Amino acid sequence: MEIDEDLSVIEADPISPEVSSESFGDISCITNDDKENENVEDPHSIETDESDQEDVTMSESESGIVDSSFDPTALIEISDILDLVGKNWSIFRVSPLWNLNFDTNYLNLLSKKLKKFLINHISTNMKNQKNSFSEISVEIEAKEAHHECIALKINVINNNTNSKLYTGLLLKSPNYEQNYDKNSLSDMPILMIQGNKSFSVAIHNWLTEHFDCVIRPYEFALYQFLWLIAISMGDAGQLYNETVLYHYLYKNESSKGQMDVKCYAESEFLRSVLAKLSLNRSSSEATSFHYSDLIKVQSDIEDHFKITSGINVSKLKLKAFEAPKVASINVSGKIHVWSSTLIDLMLKYLMELQNNKWMP
């Protein structure tokens, strides 16, 4: 799979070895954002592009990172992930939803309300395509199994073409039931979606108004992006021979314009680097590793690119990473993962981050 070349501008600083020297284990310690530079936003606003391309943009500072140890085997349990494998997903952050009821009759009524809203949206904003969407079906379905991570599924289908216009999966946090019992807030901090851009924006606007919540694109902070890359490298390490290349995509911004720079790292080289993270699954060493180690590994990779291609990528902005047939990730919150084990680890990491910090 090719990495999506149409990526948003990344507001992340170049990696610095001085970012942190502590370990990374209490994930709540690394979720402190730099709020001094945050803009005041409408709590019901959604950041998105006008185009039909799924391109999400949200700045998040990586300052305030406190490094602690990260053990990918010690996070929350996620079971129902097989349907997520091998598909393109855009990830959003969601604040708790107010007064959501999971009763079947209520959800059926909610589905009808959303359908009526979308029909009005089509007639008002998509007049030229009205005939193409004359028949749509909407289903909002609860997932009742206790251990499932998917709490709510939203499906919108174009009956004319039997194609999906929108699929949205709201993932519930480990402490979901406890929080809901206290304050009637449904804590489902991660939304994974596929679908038409216009319908996605409309549905998210409807959700924010209906449940008094905030939905924002999940653009990964640089340290989060590096963790996801490290997890992907660990999962892919045993599958590749020395001829397979990993792809890194950077953006070069200058006064003369912007240019994408793609660099390649051999599997043999990365396997030797992975030993520093103790992520190689053939190793009997502990799986716990440190953010300071990750910075050293990234520095080694950047030095490798400088030697092999003559490009100092530490001066560029990292946009995307791809391990072919294993995972494709970009900083704008898009993922495509071929392994159920790997997507399990990624979601555990992201859910643990959100579990320790409600979105401001």
Protein backbone atom coordinates (compact mmCIF):
# COMPACT_ATOMS: atom_id res chain seq x y z
CA MET A 1 0.00 0.00 0.00
CA GLU A 2 1.28 3.44 -0.85
CA ILE A 3 1.46 6.09 1.81
CA ASP A 4 -1.12 8.83 1.34
CA GLU A 5 0.79 11.69 -0.22
CA ASP A 6 -1.92 14.29 0.53
CA LEU A 7 -1.04 15.00 4.13
CA SER A 8 -1.61 18.08 6.25
CA VAL A 9 1.12 20.40 7.44
CA ILE A 10 2.73 19.05 10.59
CA GLU A 11 3.30 21.44 13.45
CA ALA A 12 5.93 19.37 15.22
CA ASP A 13 9.46 20.29 16.18
CA PRO A 14 12.45 18.27 15.00
CA ILE A 15 13.41 15.43 17.32
CA SER A 16 15.87 16.39 19.97
CA PRO A 17 17.81 13.92 22.13
CA GLU A 18 17.24 16.29 25.02
CA VAL A 19 13.46 15.86 24.96
CA SER A 20 13.51 13.49 27.91
CA SER A 21 15.77 11.05 29.66
CA GLU A 22 13.22 9.48 31.97
CA SER A 23 11.32 6.26 31.39
CA PHE A 24 7.82 5.85 29.96
CA GLY A 25 5.36 3.51 31.71
CA ASP A 26 2.72 5.57 33.42
CA ILE A 27 1.18 6.72 30.16
CA SER A 28 -0.74 9.46 31.91
CA CYS A 29 2.59 11.17 32.46
CA ILE A 30 3.12 11.82 28.76
CA THR A 31 -0.24 13.33 27.92
CA ASN A 32 0.39 16.85 29.14
CA ASP A 33 -0.26 19.30 26.32
CA ASP A 34 1.18 22.76 26.03
CA LYS A 35 -1.93 24.76 26.83
CA GLU A 36 -0.24 28.14 26.78
CA ASN A 37 -0.41 28.27 23.00
CA GLU A 38 -3.82 26.70 22.56
CA ASN A 39 -6.46 28.74 20.80
CA VAL A 40 -9.90 29.06 22.31
CA GLU A 41 -12.26 26.97 20.22
CA ASP A 42 -15.99 26.60 19.82
CA PRO A 43 -16.76 23.42 21.78
CA HIS A 44 -19.02 22.25 18.97
CA SER A 45 -16.62 22.97 16.13
CA ILE A 46 -15.01 20.30 14.00
CA GLU A 47 -11.68 20.85 12.29
CA THR A 48 -11.76 19.48 8.78
CA ASP A 49 -11.00 20.10 5.13
CA GLU A 50 -13.60 21.22 2.60
CA SER A 51 -12.52 18.55 0.15
CA ASP A 52 -13.78 14.98 -0.04
CA GLN A 53 -10.33 13.69 0.83
CA GLU A 54 -9.98 12.49 4.40
CA ASP A 55 -7.37 14.98 5.58
CA VAL A 56 -7.51 15.85 9.26
CA THR A 57 -5.61 18.65 10.93
CA MET A 58 -5.15 19.32 14.59
CA SER A 59 -2.07 20.70 16.27
CA GLU A 60 -0.86 19.16 19.48
CA SER A 61 2.28 20.18 21.27
CA GLU A 62 4.74 17.58 22.43
CA SER A 63 6.01 19.76 25.26
CA GLY A 64 5.48 18.65 28.81
CA ILE A 65 6.34 15.05 28.02
CA VAL A 66 7.39 13.12 31.07
CA ASP A 67 8.99 9.86 30.06
CA SER A 68 8.13 6.66 31.95
CA SER A 69 8.35 2.98 31.05
CA PHE A 70 5.92 1.50 28.49
CA ASP A 71 4.99 -2.18 28.60
CA PRO A 72 2.77 -3.01 25.59
CA THR A 73 1.59 -6.23 27.28
CA ALA A 74 0.24 -4.46 30.36
CA LEU A 75 -2.46 -2.24 28.88
CA ILE A 76 -6.22 -2.59 28.65
CA GLU A 77 -8.00 -5.53 27.03
CA ILE A 78 -9.36 -5.07 23.51
CA SER A 79 -11.06 -8.03 21.85
CA ASP A 80 -13.26 -7.13 18.88
CA ILE A 81 -10.69 -5.84 16.43
CA LEU A 82 -10.71 -8.30 13.53
CA ASP A 83 -13.11 -6.14 11.51
CA LEU A 84 -10.64 -3.24 11.75
CA VAL A 85 -7.79 -5.09 10.03
CA GLY A 86 -6.80 -4.30 6.45
CA LYS A 87 -8.86 -1.10 6.14
CA ASN A 88 -8.15 2.62 6.02
CA TRP A 89 -9.27 4.42 9.19
CA SER A 90 -9.26 8.06 10.24
CA ILE A 91 -9.11 8.53 14.00
CA PHE A 92 -10.88 11.25 15.99
CA ARG A 93 -10.87 12.21 19.66
CA VAL A 94 -14.26 12.53 21.35
CA SER A 95 -15.20 14.13 24.65
CA PRO A 96 -17.80 12.27 26.78
CA LEU A 97 -21.27 12.14 25.25
CA TRP A 98 -24.06 13.49 27.45
CA ASN A 99 -27.12 11.38 28.24
CA LEU A 100 -26.67 8.73 25.55
CA ASN A 101 -29.03 5.78 26.03
CA PHE A 102 -28.18 2.32 24.71
CA ASP A 103 -31.76 1.07 24.75
CA THR A 104 -32.67 -0.51 21.39
CA ASN A 105 -35.84 1.52 20.92
CA TYR A 106 -33.96 4.72 21.70
CA LEU A 107 -31.21 3.89 19.19
CA ASN A 108 -33.80 3.07 16.52
CA LEU A 109 -35.41 6.47 17.09
CA LEU A 110 -31.96 8.07 17.00
CA SER A 111 -31.26 6.36 13.67
CA LYS A 112 -34.44 7.87 12.22
CA LYS A 113 -33.48 11.33 13.46
CA LEU A 114 -30.03 11.06 11.93
CA LYS A 115 -31.50 9.85 8.64
CA LYS A 116 -33.89 12.82 8.54
CA PHE A 117 -30.97 15.15 9.26
CA LEU A 118 -28.87 13.64 6.46
CA ILE A 119 -31.70 13.81 3.93
CA ASN A 120 -32.04 17.50 4.72
CA HIS A 121 -28.25 17.87 4.45
CA ILE A 122 -28.30 16.27 0.99
CA SER A 123 -31.12 18.47 -0.29
CA THR A 124 -29.50 21.64 1.10
CA ASN A 125 -25.78 21.12 0.52
CA MET A 126 -25.53 18.44 -2.17
CA LYS A 127 -28.19 19.51 -4.68
CA ASN A 128 -26.16 18.40 -7.68
CA GLN A 129 -25.84 14.90 -6.21
CA LYS A 130 -29.34 14.65 -4.75
CA ASN A 131 -30.45 11.89 -7.13
CA SER A 132 -27.34 9.86 -6.30
CA PHE A 133 -28.37 9.71 -2.64
CA SER A 134 -32.15 9.47 -2.97
CA GLU A 135 -32.30 6.32 -0.85
CA ILE A 136 -30.13 5.99 2.24
CA SER A 137 -30.37 3.79 5.31
CA VAL A 138 -29.01 4.68 8.75
CA GLU A 139 -28.31 2.31 11.61
CA ILE A 140 -26.95 3.15 15.06
CA GLU A 141 -26.13 -0.10 16.80
CA ALA A 142 -24.93 -0.79 20.34
CA LYS A 143 -22.34 -3.47 21.07
CA GLU A 144 -23.44 -5.15 24.28
CA ALA A 145 -20.65 -7.66 24.93
CA HIS A 146 -18.88 -6.65 28.12
CA HIS A 147 -15.32 -7.05 26.85
CA GLU A 148 -15.80 -5.47 23.44
CA CYS A 149 -14.03 -2.18 22.89
CA ILE A 150 -16.56 -0.99 20.29
CA ALA A 151 -19.44 0.59 22.18
CA LEU A 152 -21.44 2.07 19.31
CA LYS A 153 -21.45 1.56 15.55
CA ILE A 154 -22.95 4.03 13.06
CA ASN A 155 -23.60 2.86 9.50
CA VAL A 156 -24.93 4.98 6.64
CA ILE A 157 -25.53 3.15 3.36
CA ASN A 158 -26.46 4.40 -0.10
CA ASN A 159 -29.18 1.93 -1.11
CA ASN A 160 -28.98 3.06 -4.74
CA THR A 161 -25.48 1.68 -5.10
CA ASN A 162 -25.34 -0.57 -2.02
CA SER A 163 -22.22 1.29 -0.89
CA LYS A 164 -21.23 2.59 2.52
CA LEU A 165 -21.28 6.37 2.90
CA TYR A 166 -20.07 6.34 6.49
CA THR A 167 -18.93 3.84 9.10
CA GLY A 168 -18.13 5.15 12.57
CA LEU A 169 -16.94 3.10 15.53
CA LEU A 170 -16.96 4.66 19.00
CA LEU A 171 -14.57 2.86 21.34
CA LYS A 172 -15.34 2.86 25.04
CA SER A 173 -12.77 3.45 27.75
CA PRO A 174 -12.02 0.83 30.44
CA ASN A 175 -13.75 2.96 33.08
CA TYR A 176 -16.81 3.63 30.90
CA GLU A 177 -19.47 2.08 33.17
CA GLN A 178 -18.08 3.66 36.33
CA ASN A 179 -18.09 7.16 34.83
CA TYR A 180 -21.54 6.77 33.29
CA ASP A 181 -23.07 5.69 36.60
CA LYS A 182 -21.68 8.82 38.23
CA ASN A 183 -22.62 11.53 35.76
CA SER A 184 -24.55 10.11 32.75
CA LEU A 185 -21.54 10.72 30.50
CA SER A 186 -20.65 8.05 27.96
CA ASP A 187 -16.86 7.92 27.89
CA MET A 188 -16.02 6.82 24.34
CA PRO A 189 -12.84 8.79 23.62
CA ILE A 190 -11.83 7.28 20.26
CA LEU A 191 -13.87 7.43 17.04
CA MET A 192 -12.61 5.49 14.02
CA ILE A 193 -14.29 6.32 10.72
CA GLN A 194 -14.43 5.50 7.02
CA GLY A 195 -16.54 7.32 4.51
CA ASN A 196 -17.49 10.27 2.35
CA LYS A 197 -16.06 13.54 3.67
CA SER A 198 -19.28 15.54 3.38
CA PHE A 199 -21.30 12.91 5.23
CA SER A 200 -18.60 12.55 7.90
CA VAL A 201 -18.62 16.27 8.66
CA ALA A 202 -22.43 16.35 8.76
CA ILE A 203 -22.68 13.33 11.06
CA HIS A 204 -20.05 14.68 13.43
CA ASN A 205 -21.80 18.04 13.61
CA TRP A 206 -25.05 16.23 14.42
CA LEU A 207 -23.38 14.19 17.17
CA THR A 208 -21.82 17.28 18.77
CA GLU A 209 -25.17 19.06 18.89
CA HIS A 210 -27.17 16.04 20.00
CA PHE A 211 -24.85 14.86 22.80
CA ASP A 212 -23.07 18.08 23.76
CA CYS A 213 -19.67 16.62 22.92
CA VAL A 214 -16.54 17.70 21.05
CA ILE A 215 -15.12 15.74 18.10
CA ARG A 216 -11.63 16.60 16.90
CA PRO A 217 -9.31 14.95 14.40
CA TYR A 218 -6.60 13.05 16.23
CA GLU A 219 -3.35 14.38 14.83
CA PHE A 220 -0.58 12.53 16.59
CA ALA A 221 1.93 14.51 18.59
CA LEU A 222 5.46 13.63 17.51
CA TYR A 223 6.19 11.47 20.55
CA GLN A 224 2.92 9.54 20.00
CA PHE A 225 3.78 9.06 16.35
CA LEU A 226 7.22 7.70 17.25
CA TRP A 227 5.66 5.24 19.70
CA LEU A 228 3.26 3.96 17.04
CA ILE A 229 6.16 3.55 14.61
CA ALA A 230 8.16 1.66 17.23
CA ILE A 231 5.22 -0.65 17.94
CA SER A 232 4.86 -1.28 14.18
CA MET A 233 8.55 -1.99 13.80
CA GLY A 234 8.36 -4.50 16.64
CA ASP A 235 5.43 -6.29 15.05
CA ALA A 236 7.05 -6.40 11.62
CA GLY A 237 10.51 -7.37 12.79
CA GLN A 238 10.02 -11.14 12.57
CA LEU A 239 8.22 -11.07 9.21
CA TYR A 240 10.81 -9.38 7.03
CA ASN A 241 13.95 -10.53 5.31
CA GLU A 242 16.80 -8.14 4.65
CA THR A 243 15.45 -7.09 1.24
CA VAL A 244 12.30 -5.42 2.60
CA LEU A 245 12.30 -1.64 2.96
CA TYR A 246 10.53 0.54 5.50
CA HIS A 247 9.28 3.88 4.14
CA TYR A 248 9.58 7.22 5.94
CA LEU A 249 7.89 10.29 4.44
CA TYR A 250 9.06 13.77 5.43
CA LYS A 251 7.94 17.25 4.44
CA ASN A 252 10.55 19.82 3.49
CA GLU A 253 9.26 23.35 3.97
CA SER A 254 11.24 26.33 2.77
CA SER A 255 10.73 29.81 1.41
CA LYS A 256 10.61 28.25 -2.06
CA GLY A 257 7.68 26.00 -1.22
CA GLN A 258 7.05 22.50 0.07
CA MET A 259 8.41 19.17 -1.06
CA ASP A 260 7.86 15.61 0.16
CA VAL A 261 10.97 13.52 0.80
CA LYS A 262 10.68 9.73 0.99
CA CYS A 263 13.49 7.73 2.61
CA TYR A 264 13.93 3.98 2.91
CA ALA A 265 15.48 1.86 5.65
CA GLU A 266 16.41 -1.78 5.18
CA SER A 267 14.87 -4.39 7.44
CA GLU A 268 18.29 -5.73 8.40
CA PHE A 269 19.37 -2.30 9.64
CA LEU A 270 16.15 -1.72 11.56
CA ARG A 271 16.30 -5.14 13.21
CA SER A 272 19.68 -4.21 14.63
CA VAL A 273 18.22 -0.93 15.87
CA LEU A 274 15.17 -2.65 17.37
CA ALA A 275 17.36 -4.44 19.88
CA LYS A 276 17.69 -1.12 21.69
CA LEU A 277 13.93 -1.14 22.33
CA SER A 278 13.73 -4.82 23.32
CA LEU A 279 10.80 -5.12 20.89
CA ASN A 280 12.22 -7.96 18.84
CA ARG A 281 9.90 -10.85 19.64
CA SER A 282 12.64 -13.45 19.35
CA SER A 283 14.28 -11.84 22.36
CA SER A 284 13.56 -13.12 25.83
CA GLU A 285 14.24 -9.69 27.31
CA ALA A 286 11.51 -7.64 28.95
CA THR A 287 9.18 -5.79 26.62
CA SER A 288 9.34 -2.60 28.65
CA PHE A 289 11.28 0.22 27.00
CA HIS A 290 11.89 3.93 27.42
CA TYR A 291 11.21 7.12 25.52
CA SER A 292 14.86 8.11 25.84
CA ASP A 293 15.75 4.83 24.09
CA LEU A 294 13.24 5.62 21.36
CA ILE A 295 14.85 9.01 20.76
CA LYS A 296 18.24 7.30 20.40
CA VAL A 297 16.79 4.83 17.91
CA GLN A 298 15.22 7.62 15.87
CA SER A 299 18.54 9.47 15.92
CA ASP A 300 20.26 6.33 14.56
CA ILE A 301 17.68 6.11 11.78
CA GLU A 302 18.18 9.77 10.87
CA ASP A 303 21.96 9.27 10.80
CA HIS A 304 21.43 6.27 8.53
CA PHE A 305 19.38 8.34 6.09
CA LYS A 306 22.05 11.06 6.13
CA ILE A 307 24.73 8.51 5.22
CA THR A 308 22.73 6.62 2.59
CA SER A 309 20.91 9.52 0.92
CA GLY A 310 22.81 12.62 1.99
CA ILE A 311 19.63 14.16 3.46
CA ASN A 312 19.54 15.52 6.99
CA VAL A 313 15.96 14.52 7.79
CA SER A 314 16.25 15.81 11.37
CA LYS A 315 15.58 19.24 9.86
CA LEU A 316 12.38 18.01 8.18
CA LYS A 317 8.93 17.17 9.50
CA LEU A 318 8.05 13.50 9.75
CA LYS A 319 4.67 12.88 8.09
CA ALA A 320 4.18 9.17 7.54
CA PHE A 321 5.60 5.71 8.05
CA GLU A 322 4.93 2.48 6.19
CA ALA A 323 6.00 -1.08 6.80
CA PRO A 324 4.65 -2.74 3.62
CA LYS A 325 1.86 -5.24 4.29
CA VAL A 326 2.18 -4.57 8.02
CA ALA A 327 1.14 -0.99 8.77
CA SER A 328 0.80 2.46 7.24
CA ILE A 329 0.50 5.40 9.65
CA ASN A 330 0.53 9.14 9.13
CA VAL A 331 0.62 11.96 11.59
CA SER A 332 -2.83 13.20 10.60
CA GLY A 333 -4.44 10.30 12.43
CA LYS A 334 -4.81 7.82 9.57
CA ILE A 335 -3.88 4.17 9.93
CA HIS A 336 -4.04 1.03 7.80
CA VAL A 337 -2.97 -2.11 9.65
CA TRP A 338 -2.78 -5.68 8.33
CA SER A 339 -2.22 -7.41 11.69
CA SER A 340 -4.83 -7.94 14.41
CA THR A 341 -2.06 -8.13 17.01
CA LEU A 342 -0.60 -4.83 15.87
CA ILE A 343 -3.88 -2.90 15.73
CA ASP A 344 -4.63 -4.30 19.18
CA LEU A 345 -1.38 -2.82 20.52
CA MET A 346 -1.96 0.51 18.77
CA LEU A 347 -5.47 0.89 20.14
CA LYS A 348 -4.33 -0.11 23.61
CA TYR A 349 -1.77 2.67 23.49
CA LEU A 350 -4.19 5.32 22.17
CA MET A 351 -6.98 4.29 24.53
CA GLU A 352 -4.65 4.40 27.51
CA LEU A 353 -3.60 7.92 26.53
CA GLN A 354 -7.23 9.05 26.36
CA ASN A 355 -8.16 7.09 29.48
CA ASN A 356 -5.77 9.24 31.47
CA LYS A 357 -6.87 12.55 30.00
CA TRP A 358 -10.26 13.78 28.91
CA MET A 359 -10.03 16.14 25.99
CA PRO A 360 -9.94 19.81 27.10
